[in-house]
């Protein structure tokens, strides 16, 4: 029983309007769900994904206007990658970032693939990775509602990088609990004396099913704020598999959230041995459960268990000018 890849990544923004502009107008992704943080309903939760909200394509943000700056360190998800079709796409994006004044590095090789590191206005640490026809987890459906050419559009989440004090502890969780295996390594650009970054892969593999582990015993724990990542979620294909996962995780000695129904998917949360929050999330039922596919993300969507409190919730939310 293994997970099958990255499901979503959830981060923090202090400015939902700027965040929406960056992900929809700069990155050309689709806002597929405008809802609230189900654990704190006075905060928005925005989901950006491919054209149809496919599992494995969505980056989500909790809107926390008072969030301060992030101080990077260990016990963190230090980079989130997005898949694009080809190296030619990276050259397109580099030119686009130049035109739009997006902070970025040069195109570089990581784990044998061409990549392009960049940041949004809040310092979210992001990267584009070129698939170049590599086998593995299938890409999503390009969104054509923005001004990004279809042949260069973002088609899903790529590898996430975890920065930890002890790599062996996190690797043991990925291997023994979730079913990952080591498939390679590459030099750490932070310094030649640092341990190589370990590449862990699961299921069909490829860019949509990798976790990269960076060991940094020299760093303090991260102090999260705007632009930091809250958690990474891994894919569970069916409800039948999902019902077995809570018992499996607990059998390895980890405390879990128990089964949590998020309506658009079902979840289980736990912290791995270096303190990073992991989520397991089902592929089904998806974001079109309560909205037509043509109108995803246009209105405030609330799951049925929050719908009776809509008036109270809407009154607690600040207006969004998007």
C-alpha atoms as a PDB file:
ATOM      1  CA  UNK A   1       0.000   0.000   0.000  1.00  0.00           C
ATOM      2  CA  UNK A   2       1.792   3.102  -1.291  1.00  0.00           C
ATOM      3  CA  UNK A   3       0.844   6.683  -2.012  1.00  0.00           C
ATOM      4  CA  UNK A   4       0.938   7.512  -5.733  1.00  0.00           C
ATOM      5  CA  UNK A   5       2.564  10.950  -5.883  1.00  0.00           C
ATOM      6  CA  UNK A   6       2.109  14.555  -4.763  1.00  0.00           C
ATOM      7  CA  UNK A   7      -1.538  15.570  -4.263  1.00  0.00           C
ATOM      8  CA  UNK A   8      -1.213  19.236  -3.283  1.00  0.00           C
ATOM      9  CA  UNK A   9       0.977  21.695  -1.407  1.00  0.00           C
ATOM     10  CA  UNK A  10      -0.491  24.271   0.999  1.00  0.00           C
ATOM     11  CA  UNK A  11       1.246  27.528   1.871  1.00  0.00           C
ATOM     12  CA  UNK A  12       0.621  30.897   3.553  1.00  0.00           C
ATOM     13  CA  UNK A  13      -0.055  34.289   1.995  1.00  0.00           C
ATOM     14  CA  UNK A  14      -0.515  37.615   3.756  1.00  0.00           C
ATOM     15  CA  UNK A  15      -2.056  39.236   0.660  1.00  0.00           C
ATOM     16  CA  UNK A  16      -4.633  37.074  -1.122  1.00  0.00           C
ATOM     17  CA  UNK A  17      -5.209  39.611  -3.884  1.00  0.00           C
ATOM     18  CA  UNK A  18      -1.511  39.755  -4.851  1.00  0.00           C
ATOM     19  CA  UNK A  19      -1.280  35.996  -4.482  1.00  0.00           C
ATOM     20  CA  UNK A  20      -4.243  35.519  -6.836  1.00  0.00           C
ATOM     21  CA  UNK A  21      -2.759  37.910  -9.382  1.00  0.00           C
ATOM     22  CA  UNK A  22       0.588  36.121  -9.337  1.00  0.00           C
ATOM     23  CA  UNK A  23      -0.754  32.605  -9.732  1.00  0.00           C
ATOM     24  CA  UNK A  24      -3.447  33.404 -12.297  1.00  0.00           C
ATOM     25  CA  UNK A  25      -1.907  36.270 -14.287  1.00  0.00           C
ATOM     26  CA  UNK A  26       1.813  35.528 -14.000  1.00  0.00           C
ATOM     27  CA  UNK A  27       1.861  31.721 -13.735  1.00  0.00           C
ATOM     28  CA  UNK A  28      -1.342  31.258 -15.735  1.00  0.00           C
ATOM     29  CA  UNK A  29      -2.896  28.735 -13.359  1.00  0.00           C
ATOM     30  CA  UNK A  30      -6.623  28.414 -12.762  1.00  0.00           C
ATOM     31  CA  UNK A  31      -8.320  29.331  -9.490  1.00  0.00           C
ATOM     32  CA  UNK A  32     -10.388  26.166  -9.064  1.00  0.00           C
ATOM     33  CA  UNK A  33     -11.730  26.719  -5.570  1.00  0.00           C
ATOM     34  CA  UNK A  34     -12.359  29.814  -3.470  1.00  0.00           C
ATOM     35  CA  UNK A  35     -13.286  28.559  -0.014  1.00  0.00           C
ATOM     36  CA  UNK A  36     -12.276  28.930   3.641  1.00  0.00           C
ATOM     37  CA  UNK A  37      -9.821  27.265   5.963  1.00  0.00           C
ATOM     38  CA  UNK A  38     -12.104  24.642   7.475  1.00  0.00           C
ATOM     39  CA  UNK A  39     -10.180  24.813  10.767  1.00  0.00           C
ATOM     40  CA  UNK A  40     -10.375  28.624  10.933  1.00  0.00           C
ATOM     41  CA  UNK A  41     -13.286  29.813   8.802  1.00  0.00           C
ATOM     42  CA  UNK A  42     -12.453  33.532   9.062  1.00  0.00           C
ATOM     43  CA  UNK A  43      -9.538  32.846   6.667  1.00  0.00           C
ATOM     44  CA  UNK A  44      -9.768  32.228   2.923  1.00  0.00           C
ATOM     45  CA  UNK A  45      -8.300  29.109   1.335  1.00  0.00           C
ATOM     46  CA  UNK A  46      -7.479  29.490  -2.370  1.00  0.00           C
ATOM     47  CA  UNK A  47      -6.689  26.555  -4.690  1.00  0.00           C
ATOM     48  CA  UNK A  48      -4.763  27.014  -7.965  1.00  0.00           C
ATOM     49  CA  UNK A  49      -4.491  24.076 -10.358  1.00  0.00           C
ATOM     50  CA  UNK A  50      -4.733  22.898 -13.954  1.00  0.00           C
ATOM     51  CA  UNK A  51      -7.791  23.357 -16.181  1.00  0.00           C
ATOM     52  CA  UNK A  52      -9.911  20.753 -14.367  1.00  0.00           C
ATOM     53  CA  UNK A  53      -8.464  20.736 -10.844  1.00  0.00           C
ATOM     54  CA  UNK A  54      -6.711  17.392 -11.271  1.00  0.00           C
ATOM     55  CA  UNK A  55      -5.123  15.782  -8.196  1.00  0.00           C
ATOM     56  CA  UNK A  56      -1.405  16.451  -8.274  1.00  0.00           C
ATOM     57  CA  UNK A  57      -1.721  19.916  -9.818  1.00  0.00           C
ATOM     58  CA  UNK A  58      -2.931  22.228  -7.067  1.00  0.00           C
ATOM     59  CA  UNK A  59      -1.018  24.719  -4.964  1.00  0.00           C
ATOM     60  CA  UNK A  60      -3.164  26.146  -2.179  1.00  0.00           C
ATOM     61  CA  UNK A  61      -2.803  29.211   0.021  1.00  0.00           C
ATOM     62  CA  UNK A  62      -4.254  30.138   3.403  1.00  0.00           C
ATOM     63  CA  UNK A  63      -4.846  33.889   3.606  1.00  0.00           C
ATOM     64  CA  UNK A  64      -3.357  35.175   6.881  1.00  0.00           C
ATOM     65  CA  UNK A  65      -3.056  38.982   6.521  1.00  0.00           C
ATOM     66  CA  UNK A  66      -0.995  39.370   9.716  1.00  0.00           C
ATOM     67  CA  UNK A  67       1.630  36.778   8.721  1.00  0.00           C
ATOM     68  CA  UNK A  68       5.159  38.092   9.136  1.00  0.00           C
ATOM     69  CA  UNK A  69       8.258  37.224   7.129  1.00  0.00           C
ATOM     70  CA  UNK A  70       9.654  33.696   6.923  1.00  0.00           C
ATOM     71  CA  UNK A  71      13.053  32.852   8.415  1.00  0.00           C
ATOM     72  CA  UNK A  72      14.219  29.762   6.474  1.00  0.00           C
ATOM     73  CA  UNK A  73      15.606  26.740   8.256  1.00  0.00           C
ATOM     74  CA  UNK A  74      15.160  23.051   8.904  1.00  0.00           C
ATOM     75  CA  UNK A  75      11.909  21.164   9.491  1.00  0.00           C
ATOM     76  CA  UNK A  76      10.534  22.893   6.425  1.00  0.00           C
ATOM     77  CA  UNK A  77       9.203  22.360   2.934  1.00  0.00           C
ATOM     78  CA  UNK A  78      11.743  24.660   1.339  1.00  0.00           C
ATOM     79  CA  UNK A  79      10.816  24.447  -2.339  1.00  0.00           C
ATOM     80  CA  UNK A  80       7.790  23.555  -4.451  1.00  0.00           C
ATOM     81  CA  UNK A  81       8.251  22.740  -8.122  1.00  0.00           C
ATOM     82  CA  UNK A  82       5.798  22.988 -11.010  1.00  0.00           C
ATOM     83  CA  UNK A  83       5.939  20.869 -14.139  1.00  0.00           C
ATOM     84  CA  UNK A  84       6.199  22.362 -17.636  1.00  0.00           C
ATOM     85  CA  UNK A  85       6.454  20.346 -20.846  1.00  0.00           C
ATOM     86  CA  UNK A  86       9.955  21.064 -22.157  1.00  0.00           C
ATOM     87  CA  UNK A  87      13.232  22.918 -21.725  1.00  0.00           C
ATOM     88  CA  UNK A  88      11.954  25.268 -24.420  1.00  0.00           C
ATOM     89  CA  UNK A  89       9.155  26.081 -21.976  1.00  0.00           C
ATOM     90  CA  UNK A  90      11.743  27.111 -19.384  1.00  0.00           C
ATOM     91  CA  UNK A  91      13.226  29.592 -21.853  1.00  0.00           C
ATOM     92  CA  UNK A  92       9.727  30.977 -22.449  1.00  0.00           C
ATOM     93  CA  UNK A  93       9.229  31.367 -18.688  1.00  0.00           C
ATOM     94  CA  UNK A  94      12.615  32.963 -18.147  1.00  0.00           C
ATOM     95  CA  UNK A  95      11.753  35.633 -20.696  1.00  0.00           C
ATOM     96  CA  UNK A  96       8.281  36.062 -19.184  1.00  0.00           C
ATOM     97  CA  UNK A  97       9.765  36.483 -15.714  1.00  0.00           C
ATOM     98  CA  UNK A  98      12.166  39.102 -17.086  1.00  0.00           C
ATOM     99  CA  UNK A  99       9.263  41.033 -18.598  1.00  0.00           C
ATOM    100  CA  UNK A 100       7.156  40.821 -15.432  1.00  0.00           C
ATOM    101  CA  UNK A 101      10.006  41.535 -12.989  1.00  0.00           C
ATOM    102  CA  UNK A 102       9.771  38.165 -11.260  1.00  0.00           C
ATOM    103  CA  UNK A 103      12.862  37.244  -9.282  1.00  0.00           C
ATOM    104  CA  UNK A 104      14.514  34.154 -10.801  1.00  0.00           C
ATOM    105  CA  UNK A 105      17.800  32.327 -11.319  1.00  0.00           C
ATOM    106  CA  UNK A 106      19.258  30.873 -14.492  1.00  0.00           C
ATOM    107  CA  UNK A 107      18.165  27.534 -15.928  1.00  0.00           C
ATOM    108  CA  UNK A 108      20.124  24.834 -14.080  1.00  0.00           C
ATOM    109  CA  UNK A 109      20.307  21.064 -13.848  1.00  0.00           C
ATOM    110  CA  UNK A 110      18.857  19.410 -10.748  1.00  0.00           C
ATOM    111  CA  UNK A 111      18.539  15.636 -10.481  1.00  0.00           C
ATOM    112  CA  UNK A 112      19.383  15.438 -14.191  1.00  0.00           C
ATOM    113  CA  UNK A 113      16.519  17.736 -15.240  1.00  0.00           C
ATOM    114  CA  UNK A 114      16.427  21.326 -16.454  1.00  0.00           C
ATOM    115  CA  UNK A 115      14.931  23.637 -13.816  1.00  0.00           C
ATOM    116  CA  UNK A 116      14.262  27.324 -13.227  1.00  0.00           C
ATOM    117  CA  UNK A 117      14.106  28.678  -9.660  1.00  0.00           C
ATOM    118  CA  UNK A 118      11.896  31.729  -8.964  1.00  0.00           C
ATOM    119  CA  UNK A 119      10.029  33.523  -6.164  1.00  0.00           C
ATOM    120  CA  UNK A 120       6.760  35.407  -5.836  1.00  0.00           C
ATOM    121  CA  UNK A 121       6.464  38.803  -4.136  1.00  0.00           C
ATOM    122  CA  UNK A 122       6.183  37.177  -0.688  1.00  0.00           C
ATOM    123  CA  UNK A 123       9.274  35.039  -1.099  1.00  0.00           C
ATOM    124  CA  UNK A 124       7.583  31.720  -1.829  1.00  0.00           C
ATOM    125  CA  UNK A 125      10.433  29.461  -2.961  1.00  0.00           C
ATOM    126  CA  UNK A 126       9.291  27.935  -6.225  1.00  0.00           C
ATOM    127  CA  UNK A 127      10.745  26.202  -9.257  1.00  0.00           C
ATOM    128  CA  UNK A 128       9.789  25.070 -12.750  1.00  0.00           C
ATOM    129  CA  UNK A 129      10.967  21.645 -13.921  1.00  0.00           C
ATOM    130  CA  UNK A 130      10.883  20.419 -17.518  1.00  0.00           C
ATOM    131  CA  UNK A 131       9.289  16.999 -18.076  1.00  0.00           C
ATOM    132  CA  UNK A 132      10.810  16.583 -21.565  1.00  0.00           C
ATOM    133  CA  UNK A 133       8.715  13.476 -22.195  1.00  0.00           C
ATOM    134  CA  UNK A 134       9.891  11.655 -19.070  1.00  0.00           C
ATOM    135  CA  UNK A 135       7.767   8.670 -18.063  1.00  0.00           C
ATOM    136  CA  UNK A 136       5.931   8.725 -14.761  1.00  0.00           C
ATOM    137  CA  UNK A 137       2.821  10.264 -13.229  1.00  0.00           C
ATOM    138  CA  UNK A 138       0.741  11.770 -16.032  1.00  0.00           C
ATOM    139  CA  UNK A 139       0.623  15.580 -16.321  1.00  0.00           C
ATOM    140  CA  UNK A 140      -2.545  17.599 -15.861  1.00  0.00           C
ATOM    141  CA  UNK A 141      -4.599  19.515 -18.408  1.00  0.00           C
ATOM    142  CA  UNK A 142      -3.152  22.900 -19.473  1.00  0.00           C
ATOM    143  CA  UNK A 143      -5.343  25.872 -18.581  1.00  0.00           C
ATOM    144  CA  UNK A 144      -5.958  28.052 -21.623  1.00  0.00           C
ATOM    145  CA  UNK A 145      -7.878  30.797 -19.824  1.00  0.00           C
ATOM    146  CA  UNK A 146      -4.712  32.839 -19.283  1.00  0.00           C
ATOM    147  CA  UNK A 147      -2.212  34.331 -21.744  1.00  0.00           C
ATOM    148  CA  UNK A 148       0.325  31.503 -21.404  1.00  0.00           C
ATOM    149  CA  UNK A 149       0.660  29.387 -24.581  1.00  0.00           C
ATOM    150  CA  UNK A 150      -0.717  25.870 -24.127  1.00  0.00           C
ATOM    151  CA  UNK A 151       2.602  24.303 -25.107  1.00  0.00           C
ATOM    152  CA  UNK A 152       4.353  26.053 -22.199  1.00  0.00           C
ATOM    153  CA  UNK A 153       1.625  25.996 -19.538  1.00  0.00           C
ATOM    154  CA  UNK A 154       2.121  24.559 -16.056  1.00  0.00           C
ATOM    155  CA  UNK A 155       0.725  21.021 -15.987  1.00  0.00           C
ATOM    156  CA  UNK A 156       1.120  19.979 -12.364  1.00  0.00           C
ATOM    157  CA  UNK A 157       3.211  19.898  -9.245  1.00  0.00           C
ATOM    158  CA  UNK A 158       6.777  18.678  -9.464  1.00  0.00           C
ATOM    159  CA  UNK A 159       9.143  17.569  -6.715  1.00  0.00           C
ATOM    160  CA  UNK A 160       8.936  19.137  -3.265  1.00  0.00           C
ATOM    161  CA  UNK A 161      12.137  19.710  -1.305  1.00  0.00           C
ATOM    162  CA  UNK A 162      12.253  19.038   2.428  1.00  0.00           C
ATOM    163  CA  UNK A 163      15.050  20.680   4.427  1.00  0.00           C
ATOM    164  CA  UNK A 164      15.767  18.711   7.602  1.00  0.00           C
ATOM    165  CA  UNK A 165      18.396  18.286  10.292  1.00  0.00           C
ATOM    166  CA  UNK A 166      18.574  14.493   9.953  1.00  0.00           C
ATOM    167  CA  UNK A 167      17.861  13.147   6.447  1.00  0.00           C
ATOM    168  CA  UNK A 168      17.855   9.520   7.542  1.00  0.00           C
ATOM    169  CA  UNK A 169      14.839  10.050   9.792  1.00  0.00           C
ATOM    170  CA  UNK A 170      12.659  11.536   7.047  1.00  0.00           C
ATOM    171  CA  UNK A 171      13.878   9.011   4.484  1.00  0.00           C
ATOM    172  CA  UNK A 172      12.871   6.180   6.830  1.00  0.00           C
ATOM    173  CA  UNK A 173       9.316   7.545   7.020  1.00  0.00           C
ATOM    174  CA  UNK A 174       9.075   7.973   3.262  1.00  0.00           C
ATOM    175  CA  UNK A 175      10.383   4.452   2.637  1.00  0.00           C
ATOM    176  CA  UNK A 176       8.773   2.449   5.412  1.00  0.00           C
ATOM    177  CA  UNK A 177       5.437   4.207   5.833  1.00  0.00           C
ATOM    178  CA  UNK A 178       4.629   5.733   2.428  1.00  0.00           C
ATOM    179  CA  UNK A 179       6.458   3.407   0.016  1.00  0.00           C
ATOM    180  CA  UNK A 180       9.087   5.709  -1.508  1.00  0.00           C
ATOM    181  CA  UNK A 181      12.507   4.515  -2.664  1.00  0.00           C
ATOM    182  CA  UNK A 182      15.759   6.334  -3.311  1.00  0.00           C
ATOM    183  CA  UNK A 183      16.422   6.860  -7.031  1.00  0.00           C
ATOM    184  CA  UNK A 184      19.342   9.283  -7.032  1.00  0.00           C
ATOM    185  CA  UNK A 185      21.078  12.298  -5.545  1.00  0.00           C
ATOM    186  CA  UNK A 186      22.624  15.592  -6.670  1.00  0.00           C
ATOM    187  CA  UNK A 187      24.957  18.237  -5.183  1.00  0.00           C
ATOM    188  CA  UNK A 188      23.638  20.814  -2.746  1.00  0.00           C
ATOM    189  CA  UNK A 189      24.160  24.266  -4.257  1.00  0.00           C
ATOM    190  CA  UNK A 190      24.391  25.774  -0.776  1.00  0.00           C
ATOM    191  CA  UNK A 191      27.895  24.343  -0.420  1.00  0.00           C
ATOM    192  CA  UNK A 192      30.137  21.553  -1.699  1.00  0.00           C
ATOM    193  CA  UNK A 193      30.797  20.321   1.848  1.00  0.00           C
ATOM    194  CA  UNK A 194      27.091  19.714   2.531  1.00  0.00           C
ATOM    195  CA  UNK A 195      25.535  16.276   2.002  1.00  0.00           C
ATOM    196  CA  UNK A 196      24.067  15.593  -1.436  1.00  0.00           C
ATOM    197  CA  UNK A 197      20.318  16.078  -1.850  1.00  0.00           C
ATOM    198  CA  UNK A 198      18.562  12.705  -1.847  1.00  0.00           C
ATOM    199  CA  UNK A 199      15.891  11.986  -4.479  1.00  0.00           C
ATOM    200  CA  UNK A 200      12.994   9.808  -3.309  1.00  0.00           C
ATOM    201  CA  UNK A 201      10.352   8.497  -5.708  1.00  0.00           C
ATOM    202  CA  UNK A 202       7.112   6.532  -5.408  1.00  0.00           C
ATOM    203  CA  UNK A 203       4.703   4.563  -7.602  1.00  0.00           C
ATOM    204  CA  UNK A 204       5.014   5.506 -11.307  1.00  0.00           C
ATOM    205  CA  UNK A 205       7.738   8.000 -10.494  1.00  0.00           C
ATOM    206  CA  UNK A 206       8.692  11.011 -12.562  1.00  0.00           C
ATOM    207  CA  UNK A 207       8.416  14.673 -11.637  1.00  0.00           C
ATOM    208  CA  UNK A 208       4.957  14.334 -10.072  1.00  0.00           C
ATOM    209  CA  UNK A 209       6.023  11.667  -7.591  1.00  0.00           C
ATOM    210  CA  UNK A 210       9.286  12.860  -6.048  1.00  0.00           C
ATOM    211  CA  UNK A 211      10.449  14.256  -2.726  1.00  0.00           C
ATOM    212  CA  UNK A 212      13.962  15.713  -2.462  1.00  0.00           C
ATOM    213  CA  UNK A 213      15.642  15.631   0.952  1.00  0.00           C
ATOM    214  CA  UNK A 214      18.176  18.338   1.864  1.00  0.00           C
ATOM    215  CA  UNK A 215      20.122  17.733   5.071  1.00  0.00           C
ATOM    216  CA  UNK A 216      21.212  20.980   6.764  1.00  0.00           C
ATOM    217  CA  UNK A 217      22.510  20.394  10.307  1.00  0.00           C
ATOM    218  CA  UNK A 218      23.948  23.933  10.198  1.00  0.00           C
ATOM    219  CA  UNK A 219      20.543  25.671  10.129  1.00  0.00           C
ATOM    220  CA  UNK A 220      18.093  26.581  12.919  1.00  0.00           C
ATOM    221  CA  UNK A 221      14.430  25.530  12.678  1.00  0.00           C
ATOM    222  CA  UNK A 222      12.416  27.539  10.184  1.00  0.00           C
ATOM    223  CA  UNK A 223      10.242  30.343  11.555  1.00  0.00           C
ATOM    224  CA  UNK A 224       7.290  30.209   9.142  1.00  0.00           C
ATOM    225  CA  UNK A 225       5.436  33.239   7.830  1.00  0.00           C
ATOM    226  CA  UNK A 226       4.180  34.563   4.514  1.00  0.00           C
ATOM    227  CA  UNK A 227       5.431  32.486   1.604  1.00  0.00           C
ATOM    228  CA  UNK A 228       6.222  29.466   3.786  1.00  0.00           C
ATOM    229  CA  UNK A 229       4.691  26.052   3.153  1.00  0.00           C
ATOM    230  CA  UNK A 230       2.326  24.625   5.744  1.00  0.00           C
ATOM    231  CA  UNK A 231       2.182  21.014   4.527  1.00  0.00           C
ATOM    232  CA  UNK A 232       2.537  18.655   1.584  1.00  0.00           C
ATOM    233  CA  UNK A 233      -0.167  16.140   0.707  1.00  0.00           C
ATOM    234  CA  UNK A 234       0.357  12.769  -0.968  1.00  0.00           C
ATOM    235  CA  UNK A 235      -2.136  11.024  -3.215  1.00  0.00           C
ATOM    236  CA  UNK A 236      -4.343   8.143  -2.117  1.00  0.00           C
ATOM    237  CA  UNK A 237      -6.231   6.889  -5.180  1.00  0.00           C
ATOM    238  CA  UNK A 238      -9.425   5.493  -3.621  1.00  0.00           C
ATOM    239  CA  UNK A 239     -11.600   5.676  -0.526  1.00  0.00           C
ATOM    240  CA  UNK A 240     -10.935   1.972   0.007  1.00  0.00           C
ATOM    241  CA  UNK A 241      -7.184   2.606   0.319  1.00  0.00           C
ATOM    242  CA  UNK A 242      -7.781   5.687   2.445  1.00  0.00           C
ATOM    243  CA  UNK A 243      -9.644   3.716   5.113  1.00  0.00           C
ATOM    244  CA  UNK A 244      -6.519   1.600   5.747  1.00  0.00           C
ATOM    245  CA  UNK A 245      -4.015   4.446   6.095  1.00  0.00           C
ATOM    246  CA  UNK A 246      -4.796   5.744   9.561  1.00  0.00           C
ATOM    247  CA  UNK A 247      -4.159   2.340  11.116  1.00  0.00           C
ATOM    248  CA  UNK A 248      -0.981   1.906   9.047  1.00  0.00           C
ATOM    249  CA  UNK A 249       0.522   5.247  10.113  1.00  0.00           C
ATOM    250  CA  UNK A 250      -0.328   4.633  13.769  1.00  0.00           C
ATOM    251  CA  UNK A 251       1.291   1.199  13.582  1.00  0.00           C
ATOM    252  CA  UNK A 252       4.630   2.988  13.053  1.00  0.00           C
ATOM    253  CA  UNK A 253       4.132   4.985  16.244  1.00  0.00           C
ATOM    254  CA  UNK A 254       2.910   8.279  14.774  1.00  0.00           C
ATOM    255  CA  UNK A 255      -0.042  10.228  16.136  1.00  0.00           C
ATOM    256  CA  UNK A 256      -2.523  11.203  13.406  1.00  0.00           C
ATOM    257  CA  UNK A 257      -5.446  13.538  12.964  1.00  0.00           C
ATOM    258  CA  UNK A 258      -7.672  10.568  12.304  1.00  0.00           C
ATOM    259  CA  UNK A 259      -9.846  10.592   9.213  1.00  0.00           C
ATOM    260  CA  UNK A 260     -10.864  14.134   8.192  1.00  0.00           C
ATOM    261  CA  UNK A 261     -13.500  14.791   5.519  1.00  0.00           C
ATOM    262  CA  UNK A 262     -12.555  17.925   3.562  1.00  0.00           C
ATOM    263  CA  UNK A 263     -15.496  17.285   1.162  1.00  0.00           C
ATOM    264  CA  UNK A 264     -13.361  17.755  -1.963  1.00  0.00           C
ATOM    265  CA  UNK A 265     -11.091  14.976  -0.695  1.00  0.00           C
ATOM    266  CA  UNK A 266     -10.590  13.016   2.515  1.00  0.00           C
ATOM    267  CA  UNK A 267      -7.448  13.560   4.559  1.00  0.00           C
ATOM    268  CA  UNK A 268      -5.204  12.183   7.285  1.00  0.00           C
ATOM    269  CA  UNK A 269      -2.444  14.330   8.819  1.00  0.00           C
ATOM    270  CA  UNK A 270       0.703  13.414  10.744  1.00  0.00           C
ATOM    271  CA  UNK A 271       4.137  14.887  11.474  1.00  0.00           C
ATOM    272  CA  UNK A 272       7.139  12.950  10.259  1.00  0.00           C
ATOM    273  CA  UNK A 273      10.250  12.490  12.396  1.00  0.00           C
ATOM    274  CA  UNK A 274      11.777  15.930  11.608  1.00  0.00           C
ATOM    275  CA  UNK A 275       8.506  17.717  12.371  1.00  0.00           C
ATOM    276  CA  UNK A 276       7.210  18.368   8.831  1.00  0.00           C
ATOM    277  CA  UNK A 277       3.445  18.042   8.442  1.00  0.00           C
ATOM    278  CA  UNK A 278       2.382  15.369   5.961  1.00  0.00           C
ATOM    279  CA  UNK A 279      -1.147  14.870   4.665  1.00  0.00           C
ATOM    280  CA  UNK A 280      -2.606  11.950   2.782  1.00  0.00           C
ATOM    281  CA  UNK A 281      -5.484  13.029   0.523  1.00  0.00           C
ATOM    282  CA  UNK A 282      -7.794  11.074  -1.755  1.00  0.00           C
ATOM    283  CA  UNK A 283      -8.020  11.720  -5.484  1.00  0.00           C
ATOM    284  CA  UNK A 284     -11.810  11.656  -5.250  1.00  0.00           C
ATOM    285  CA  UNK A 285     -14.360  13.224  -5.338  1.00  0.00           C
ATOM    286  CA  UNK A 286     -12.707  16.448  -6.614  1.00  0.00           C
ATOM    287  CA  UNK A 287     -13.473  20.155  -6.972  1.00  0.00           C
ATOM    288  CA  UNK A 288     -16.454  19.875  -9.340  1.00  0.00           C
ATOM    289  CA  UNK A 289     -18.514  18.277  -6.573  1.00  0.00           C
ATOM    290  CA  UNK A 290     -20.319  21.535  -5.760  1.00  0.00           C
ATOM    291  CA  UNK A 291     -19.579  23.733  -8.808  1.00  0.00           C
ATOM    292  CA  UNK A 292     -19.849  23.320 -12.581  1.00  0.00           C
ATOM    293  CA  UNK A 293     -16.472  22.714 -14.199  1.00  0.00           C
ATOM    294  CA  UNK A 294     -16.912  25.863 -16.297  1.00  0.00           C
ATOM    295  CA  UNK A 295     -17.338  28.041 -13.197  1.00  0.00           C
ATOM    296  CA  UNK A 296     -14.849  26.658 -10.712  1.00  0.00           C
ATOM    297  CA  UNK A 297     -13.556  29.220  -8.232  1.00  0.00           C
ATOM    298  CA  UNK A 298     -15.861  32.044  -9.225  1.00  0.00           C
ATOM    299  CA  UNK A 299     -17.865  32.180  -5.982  1.00  0.00           C
ATOM    300  CA  UNK A 300     -17.243  31.370  -2.331  1.00  0.00           C
ATOM    301  CA  UNK A 301     -17.757  27.607  -2.041  1.00  0.00           C
ATOM    302  CA  UNK A 302     -18.534  26.002   1.304  1.00  0.00           C
ATOM    303  CA  UNK A 303     -18.815  22.277   1.990  1.00  0.00           C
ATOM    304  CA  UNK A 304     -22.259  21.099   3.156  1.00  0.00           C
ATOM    305  CA  UNK A 305     -21.228  20.955   6.821  1.00  0.00           C
ATOM    306  CA  UNK A 306     -20.350  24.677   6.721  1.00  0.00           C
ATOM    307  CA  UNK A 307     -23.208  25.844   4.485  1.00  0.00           C
ATOM    308  CA  UNK A 308     -25.638  26.442   7.409  1.00  0.00           C
ATOM    309  CA  UNK A 309     -23.096  28.962   8.772  1.00  0.00           C
ATOM    310  CA  UNK A 310     -22.623  30.803   5.454  1.00  0.00           C
ATOM    311  CA  UNK A 311     -23.981  34.151   6.681  1.00  0.00           C
ATOM    312  CA  UNK A 312     -21.780  34.054   9.772  1.00  0.00           C
ATOM    313  CA  UNK A 313     -18.717  32.977   7.781  1.00  0.00           C
ATOM    314  CA  UNK A 314     -19.167  35.589   5.061  1.00  0.00           C
ATOM    315  CA  UNK A 315     -19.552  38.285   7.723  1.00  0.00           C
ATOM    316  CA  UNK A 316     -16.206  37.282   9.256  1.00  0.00           C
ATOM    317  CA  UNK A 317     -14.303  37.364   5.952  1.00  0.00           C
ATOM    318  CA  UNK A 318     -12.694  40.482   4.600  1.00  0.00           C
ATOM    319  CA  UNK A 319     -13.783  41.490   1.069  1.00  0.00           C
ATOM    320  CA  UNK A 320     -11.523  40.232  -1.708  1.00  0.00           C
ATOM    321  CA  UNK A 321     -10.853  42.495  -4.683  1.00  0.00           C
ATOM    322  CA  UNK A 322      -9.802  39.935  -7.257  1.00  0.00           C
END
